[in-house]
Amino acid sequence: MLKVRRFVLGMDEADWLKVRNTVFAVRVDIASMSVEEMRNIEKSPDFDSEGRFIAELDDQPIGIVHAHVDKPISLWNCLLPM
């Protein structure tokens, strides 16, 4: 059975990387990542696990989603001086 669930910080890193590293294995410009490397990234104040999801088929990870929403910015900060 297919299900999509939220990423659980501190528990799902190995499953996340199993899919990520398999997908990116064909890319020479993106290196595989270890669980230790991912946990170091998770320590960053910019890391947000809220938009991460894992797709599973028969309880095996088969896909990942990382949805990121930028923080709103004021249009006044974006205007160029004339």
N, C-alpha and C. Protein backbone atom coordinates (compact mmCIF):
# COMPACT_ATOMS: atom_id res chain seq x y z
N MET A 1 0.84 -1.18 0.00
CA MET A 1 0.00 0.00 0.00
C MET A 1 0.88 1.25 0.00
N LEU A 2 0.53 2.21 -0.83
CA LEU A 2 1.27 3.46 -0.93
C LEU A 2 0.78 4.42 0.14
N LYS A 3 1.74 5.05 0.84
CA LYS A 3 1.37 6.10 1.78
C LYS A 3 2.44 7.19 1.74
N VAL A 4 2.03 8.39 2.03
CA VAL A 4 2.93 9.53 2.14
C VAL A 4 2.79 10.06 3.55
N ARG A 5 3.94 10.23 4.20
CA ARG A 5 3.91 10.68 5.59
C ARG A 5 4.97 11.74 5.81
N ARG A 6 4.82 12.44 6.90
CA ARG A 6 5.79 13.47 7.27
C ARG A 6 7.12 12.84 7.65
N PHE A 7 8.19 13.53 7.35
CA PHE A 7 9.53 13.16 7.77
C PHE A 7 9.62 13.34 9.28
N VAL A 8 10.19 12.36 9.97
CA VAL A 8 10.36 12.43 11.42
C VAL A 8 11.84 12.69 11.72
N LEU A 9 12.11 13.89 12.21
CA LEU A 9 13.47 14.31 12.52
C LEU A 9 14.08 13.37 13.57
N GLY A 10 15.29 12.90 13.30
CA GLY A 10 15.98 12.01 14.21
C GLY A 10 15.67 10.53 14.00
N MET A 11 14.73 10.23 13.11
CA MET A 11 14.36 8.84 12.84
C MET A 11 14.44 8.47 11.36
N ASP A 12 14.17 9.41 10.48
CA ASP A 12 14.00 9.11 9.05
C ASP A 12 15.18 9.46 8.17
N GLU A 13 16.29 9.87 8.74
CA GLU A 13 17.42 10.28 7.93
C GLU A 13 17.91 9.15 7.01
N ALA A 14 18.03 7.94 7.52
CA ALA A 14 18.51 6.82 6.70
C ALA A 14 17.56 6.54 5.53
N ASP A 15 16.26 6.56 5.78
CA ASP A 15 15.28 6.34 4.70
C ASP A 15 15.34 7.47 3.69
N TRP A 16 15.43 8.71 4.17
CA TRP A 16 15.52 9.87 3.29
C TRP A 16 16.72 9.73 2.36
N LEU A 17 17.86 9.39 2.96
CA LEU A 17 19.10 9.31 2.18
C LEU A 17 19.14 8.11 1.26
N LYS A 18 18.45 7.05 1.62
CA LYS A 18 18.37 5.88 0.73
C LYS A 18 17.77 6.30 -0.61
N VAL A 19 16.71 7.08 -0.54
CA VAL A 19 16.05 7.54 -1.77
C VAL A 19 16.88 8.63 -2.43
N ARG A 20 17.30 9.61 -1.67
CA ARG A 20 18.07 10.75 -2.21
C ARG A 20 19.33 10.28 -2.91
N ASN A 21 20.08 9.43 -2.25
CA ASN A 21 21.35 8.99 -2.83
C ASN A 21 21.14 8.11 -4.06
N THR A 22 20.06 7.36 -4.09
CA THR A 22 19.74 6.55 -5.27
C THR A 22 19.39 7.45 -6.46
N VAL A 23 18.57 8.45 -6.21
CA VAL A 23 18.14 9.37 -7.27
C VAL A 23 19.34 10.14 -7.84
N PHE A 24 20.20 10.64 -6.95
CA PHE A 24 21.30 11.47 -7.39
C PHE A 24 22.54 10.69 -7.78
N ALA A 25 22.49 9.38 -7.74
CA ALA A 25 23.66 8.56 -8.11
C ALA A 25 24.10 8.79 -9.55
N VAL A 26 23.18 9.17 -10.41
CA VAL A 26 23.52 9.40 -11.82
C VAL A 26 24.09 10.80 -12.07
N ARG A 27 24.06 11.64 -11.05
CA ARG A 27 24.57 13.01 -11.17
C ARG A 27 26.00 13.09 -10.66
N VAL A 28 26.92 13.45 -11.51
CA VAL A 28 28.32 13.56 -11.08
C VAL A 28 28.57 14.83 -10.27
N ASP A 29 27.64 15.79 -10.36
CA ASP A 29 27.82 17.06 -9.66
C ASP A 29 27.22 17.08 -8.26
N ILE A 30 26.55 15.99 -7.87
CA ILE A 30 25.95 15.92 -6.53
C ILE A 30 26.45 14.66 -5.85
N ALA A 31 27.13 14.85 -4.74
CA ALA A 31 27.71 13.72 -4.00
C ALA A 31 26.66 13.04 -3.13
N SER A 32 26.87 11.76 -2.87
CA SER A 32 25.99 11.08 -1.92
C SER A 32 26.25 11.67 -0.54
N MET A 33 25.30 11.48 0.35
CA MET A 33 25.37 12.07 1.67
C MET A 33 25.20 10.97 2.72
N SER A 34 25.92 11.10 3.81
CA SER A 34 25.80 10.15 4.91
C SER A 34 24.80 10.67 5.94
N VAL A 35 24.36 9.79 6.82
CA VAL A 35 23.44 10.19 7.89
C VAL A 35 24.12 11.24 8.77
N GLU A 36 25.40 11.06 9.04
CA GLU A 36 26.13 12.03 9.86
C GLU A 36 26.14 13.42 9.21
N GLU A 37 26.36 13.45 7.89
CA GLU A 37 26.34 14.73 7.18
C GLU A 37 24.96 15.37 7.24
N MET A 38 23.92 14.56 7.09
CA MET A 38 22.57 15.11 7.14
C MET A 38 22.25 15.64 8.53
N ARG A 39 22.67 14.93 9.55
CA ARG A 39 22.42 15.40 10.92
C ARG A 39 23.16 16.70 11.21
N ASN A 40 24.32 16.89 10.62
CA ASN A 40 25.02 18.17 10.76
C ASN A 40 24.25 19.30 10.09
N ILE A 41 23.66 19.02 8.93
CA ILE A 41 22.83 20.01 8.24
C ILE A 41 21.60 20.34 9.07
N GLU A 42 21.03 19.35 9.71
CA GLU A 42 19.83 19.56 10.53
C GLU A 42 20.10 20.48 11.73
N LYS A 43 21.34 20.62 12.12
CA LYS A 43 21.69 21.50 13.25
C LYS A 43 21.69 22.97 12.86
N SER A 44 21.66 23.25 11.58
CA SER A 44 21.66 24.64 11.11
C SER A 44 20.37 25.33 11.51
N PRO A 45 20.44 26.61 11.89
CA PRO A 45 19.22 27.35 12.23
C PRO A 45 18.29 27.52 11.03
N ASP A 46 18.82 27.37 9.82
CA ASP A 46 18.00 27.49 8.61
C ASP A 46 17.29 26.20 8.23
N PHE A 47 17.64 25.09 8.87
CA PHE A 47 17.03 23.80 8.50
C PHE A 47 15.60 23.75 9.02
N ASP A 48 14.70 23.29 8.16
CA ASP A 48 13.29 23.16 8.52
C ASP A 48 12.77 21.84 7.97
N SER A 49 12.39 20.94 8.84
CA SER A 49 11.92 19.62 8.40
C SER A 49 10.41 19.60 8.13
N GLU A 50 9.72 20.70 8.36
CA GLU A 50 8.27 20.73 8.21
C GLU A 50 7.77 20.37 6.81
N GLY A 51 8.51 20.74 5.79
CA GLY A 51 8.06 20.49 4.43
C GLY A 51 8.59 19.20 3.83
N ARG A 52 9.10 18.30 4.67
CA ARG A 52 9.67 17.04 4.17
C ARG A 52 8.67 15.90 4.36
N PHE A 53 8.56 15.11 3.30
CA PHE A 53 7.65 13.96 3.31
C PHE A 53 8.36 12.76 2.69
N ILE A 54 7.96 11.58 3.13
CA ILE A 54 8.49 10.33 2.58
C ILE A 54 7.33 9.52 2.02
N ALA A 55 7.48 9.07 0.78
CA ALA A 55 6.50 8.16 0.18
C ALA A 55 7.00 6.73 0.40
N GLU A 56 6.10 5.89 0.86
CA GLU A 56 6.45 4.48 1.12
C GLU A 56 5.48 3.56 0.39
N LEU A 57 6.02 2.48 -0.11
CA LEU A 57 5.22 1.43 -0.72
C LEU A 57 5.52 0.16 0.06
N ASP A 58 4.49 -0.40 0.66
CA ASP A 58 4.66 -1.58 1.52
C ASP A 58 5.76 -1.36 2.56
N ASP A 59 5.71 -0.18 3.19
CA ASP A 59 6.62 0.22 4.27
C ASP A 59 8.08 0.38 3.84
N GLN A 60 8.33 0.49 2.53
CA GLN A 60 9.68 0.74 2.02
C GLN A 60 9.71 2.12 1.38
N PRO A 61 10.73 2.95 1.69
CA PRO A 61 10.78 4.28 1.11
C PRO A 61 11.02 4.23 -0.40
N ILE A 62 10.18 4.96 -1.14
CA ILE A 62 10.32 4.98 -2.61
C ILE A 62 10.38 6.40 -3.17
N GLY A 63 10.13 7.39 -2.33
CA GLY A 63 10.15 8.77 -2.82
C GLY A 63 10.26 9.76 -1.68
N ILE A 64 10.76 10.95 -2.00
CA ILE A 64 10.85 12.02 -1.01
C ILE A 64 10.37 13.33 -1.62
N VAL A 65 9.87 14.20 -0.76
CA VAL A 65 9.43 15.53 -1.17
C VAL A 65 9.99 16.52 -0.17
N HIS A 66 10.56 17.60 -0.70
CA HIS A 66 11.00 18.69 0.16
C HIS A 66 10.35 19.96 -0.36
N ALA A 67 9.23 20.31 0.25
CA ALA A 67 8.50 21.52 -0.13
C ALA A 67 8.99 22.66 0.75
N HIS A 68 9.42 23.75 0.13
CA HIS A 68 9.95 24.88 0.86
C HIS A 68 9.18 26.12 0.49
N VAL A 69 8.72 26.85 1.48
CA VAL A 69 8.03 28.11 1.25
C VAL A 69 8.92 29.22 1.79
N ASP A 70 9.26 30.14 0.92
CA ASP A 70 10.07 31.27 1.35
C ASP A 70 9.29 32.12 2.34
N LYS A 71 10.03 32.73 3.27
CA LYS A 71 9.40 33.64 4.21
C LYS A 71 8.93 34.87 3.45
N PRO A 72 7.75 35.40 3.82
CA PRO A 72 7.27 36.59 3.10
C PRO A 72 8.22 37.76 3.29
N ILE A 73 8.36 38.54 2.23
CA ILE A 73 9.18 39.74 2.32
C ILE A 73 8.33 40.93 1.92
N SER A 74 8.68 42.05 2.43
CA SER A 74 7.96 43.26 2.10
C SER A 74 8.36 43.71 0.68
N LEU A 75 7.39 44.12 -0.10
CA LEU A 75 7.69 44.63 -1.43
C LEU A 75 8.54 45.88 -1.36
N TRP A 76 8.43 46.61 -0.26
CA TRP A 76 9.23 47.82 -0.12
C TRP A 76 10.71 47.49 -0.07
N ASN A 77 11.07 46.32 0.45
CA ASN A 77 12.47 45.93 0.51
C ASN A 77 13.00 45.52 -0.86
N CYS A 78 12.11 45.27 -1.80
CA CYS A 78 12.52 44.79 -3.12
C CYS A 78 12.64 45.91 -4.16
N LEU A 79 12.12 47.07 -3.83
CA LEU A 79 12.13 48.16 -4.80
C LEU A 79 13.53 48.71 -4.99
N LEU A 80 13.87 48.95 -6.22
CA LEU A 80 15.18 49.54 -6.53
C LEU A 80 15.08 51.06 -6.45
N PRO A 81 16.14 51.68 -5.93
CA PRO A 81 16.09 53.16 -5.90
C PRO A 81 16.08 53.73 -7.30
N MET A 82 15.36 54.81 -7.47
CA MET A 82 15.27 55.45 -8.79
C MET A 82 16.26 56.57 -8.87
